[in-house]
Amino acid sequence: MQASELRLGNVIYEGGVPVLLDAEKLISIIQGEGAHYTPVPLTKDWLTGANYNELEHEYSFPELSQWALDPDYKEIVFNGGYIATSAPVEYVHQLQNFYFVMTGEELPLQI
């Protein structure tokens, strides 16, 4: 996990416990002193606000109608006409960042 891929408010592990990233933690990671901070793997438990499409085996959020999360390939896919693009997403903070970029809102998560 690199500091450049993190935003304040991202969910990370601190000693195995999920916490929100604050300025102090981010500075620690930037300074190379954040070994006890690790990314949180994206599991079904973190997707409680998403809708699951059994036919496509994908999760989607109402706010991101053209995008879906494919948990098998660990990517977010866009299907619109003939365009098919993807963005890798393996960790909770990656999904949070994508959601924020696309909606301008924070992804509601329960910690």
Protein backbone atom coordinates (compact mmCIF):
# COMPACT_ATOMS: atom_id res chain seq x y z
CA MET A 1 0.00 0.00 0.00
CA GLN A 2 1.47 3.29 -1.12
CA ALA A 3 0.67 6.66 0.44
CA SER A 4 -0.05 8.05 -3.03
CA GLU A 5 -3.09 5.78 -3.41
CA LEU A 6 -4.66 6.80 -0.10
CA ARG A 7 -7.12 9.53 0.87
CA LEU A 8 -8.11 10.75 4.30
CA GLY A 9 -11.07 8.67 5.42
CA ASN A 10 -9.97 5.51 3.65
CA VAL A 11 -10.44 2.30 5.62
CA ILE A 12 -7.16 0.55 6.42
CA TYR A 13 -6.01 -1.98 8.98
CA GLU A 14 -4.07 -0.76 11.99
CA GLY A 15 -2.69 -3.83 13.71
CA GLY A 16 -5.41 -5.95 12.06
CA VAL A 17 -8.27 -3.67 13.12
CA PRO A 18 -10.15 -1.58 10.51
CA VAL A 19 -9.75 2.18 11.12
CA LEU A 20 -10.26 5.37 9.16
CA LEU A 21 -7.10 6.94 7.79
CA ASP A 22 -6.41 10.30 9.38
CA ALA A 23 -3.62 12.83 8.80
CA GLU A 24 -1.39 11.39 11.52
CA LYS A 25 -1.58 7.88 10.08
CA LEU A 26 -1.00 9.15 6.54
CA ILE A 27 2.08 11.10 7.59
CA SER A 28 3.41 7.98 9.30
CA ILE A 29 2.93 5.99 6.08
CA ILE A 30 4.56 8.76 3.97
CA GLN A 31 7.57 8.78 6.30
CA GLY A 32 7.95 5.00 5.93
CA GLU A 33 6.91 4.30 9.51
CA GLY A 34 3.57 2.71 8.71
CA ALA A 35 4.46 -0.97 8.68
CA HIS A 36 1.56 -1.76 11.02
CA TYR A 37 -0.91 -0.22 8.53
CA THR A 38 -2.10 -2.56 5.81
CA PRO A 39 -4.82 -2.47 3.16
CA VAL A 40 -8.17 -4.10 3.92
CA PRO A 41 -9.03 -6.82 1.39
CA LEU A 42 -12.35 -6.21 -0.33
CA THR A 43 -14.74 -8.97 0.72
CA LYS A 44 -18.50 -9.43 0.46
CA ASP A 45 -18.83 -8.15 4.02
CA TRP A 46 -17.76 -4.68 2.84
CA LEU A 47 -20.38 -4.64 0.06
CA THR A 48 -23.52 -4.42 2.17
CA GLY A 49 -24.71 -1.27 0.34
CA ALA A 50 -24.31 -2.85 -3.09
CA ASN A 51 -26.79 -4.86 -5.14
CA TYR A 52 -25.74 -8.31 -6.28
CA ASN A 53 -26.64 -9.42 -9.81
CA GLU A 54 -26.70 -13.21 -9.68
CA LEU A 55 -26.83 -13.60 -13.48
CA GLU A 56 -23.72 -11.48 -14.06
CA HIS A 57 -22.03 -12.34 -10.72
CA GLU A 58 -21.40 -8.64 -10.13
CA TYR A 59 -22.11 -6.04 -7.48
CA SER A 60 -23.42 -2.62 -8.37
CA PHE A 61 -24.25 0.58 -6.55
CA PRO A 62 -27.35 2.58 -7.49
CA GLU A 63 -25.20 5.73 -7.74
CA LEU A 64 -22.88 4.04 -10.25
CA SER A 65 -25.43 2.54 -12.63
CA GLN A 66 -23.01 1.94 -15.51
CA TRP A 67 -20.32 0.39 -13.34
CA ALA A 68 -20.16 -3.00 -11.63
CA LEU A 69 -17.71 -4.74 -9.34
CA ASP A 70 -16.67 -8.19 -10.49
CA PRO A 71 -15.42 -9.93 -7.33
CA ASP A 72 -13.95 -12.90 -9.22
CA TYR A 73 -11.62 -10.77 -11.35
CA LYS A 74 -11.22 -8.04 -8.70
CA GLU A 75 -12.02 -5.22 -11.05
CA ILE A 76 -14.64 -2.58 -11.67
CA VAL A 77 -16.04 -2.85 -15.16
CA PHE A 78 -17.91 -0.36 -17.32
CA ASN A 79 -20.21 -1.61 -20.01
CA GLY A 80 -21.66 1.03 -22.26
CA GLY A 81 -22.26 0.23 -25.90
CA TYR A 82 -19.07 -1.22 -27.35
CA ILE A 83 -16.82 0.17 -24.64
CA ALA A 84 -15.47 -2.18 -22.01
CA THR A 85 -12.91 -0.84 -19.56
CA SER A 86 -11.85 -1.97 -16.14
CA ALA A 87 -10.12 -0.69 -13.03
CA PRO A 88 -8.41 -3.03 -10.57
CA VAL A 89 -9.95 -3.15 -7.13
CA GLU A 90 -8.66 -5.56 -4.55
CA TYR A 91 -8.87 -3.42 -1.42
CA VAL A 92 -11.56 -1.37 0.31
CA HIS A 93 -9.65 1.91 -0.14
CA GLN A 94 -9.54 1.37 -3.92
CA LEU A 95 -13.31 0.99 -4.05
CA GLN A 96 -13.73 4.04 -1.80
CA ASN A 97 -11.50 6.13 -4.07
CA PHE A 98 -13.26 5.01 -7.25
CA TYR A 99 -16.68 5.69 -5.75
CA PHE A 100 -15.60 9.19 -4.67
CA VAL A 101 -14.14 10.06 -8.08
CA MET A 102 -17.30 8.93 -9.85
CA THR A 103 -19.90 10.43 -7.48
CA GLY A 104 -18.17 13.18 -5.50
CA GLU A 105 -19.54 11.47 -2.37
CA GLU A 106 -17.97 9.19 0.19
CA LEU A 107 -18.90 5.51 0.02
CA PRO A 108 -21.02 4.74 3.09
CA LEU A 109 -19.32 1.93 5.00
CA GLN A 110 -19.85 0.41 8.42
CA ILE A 111 -16.62 -0.05 10.38
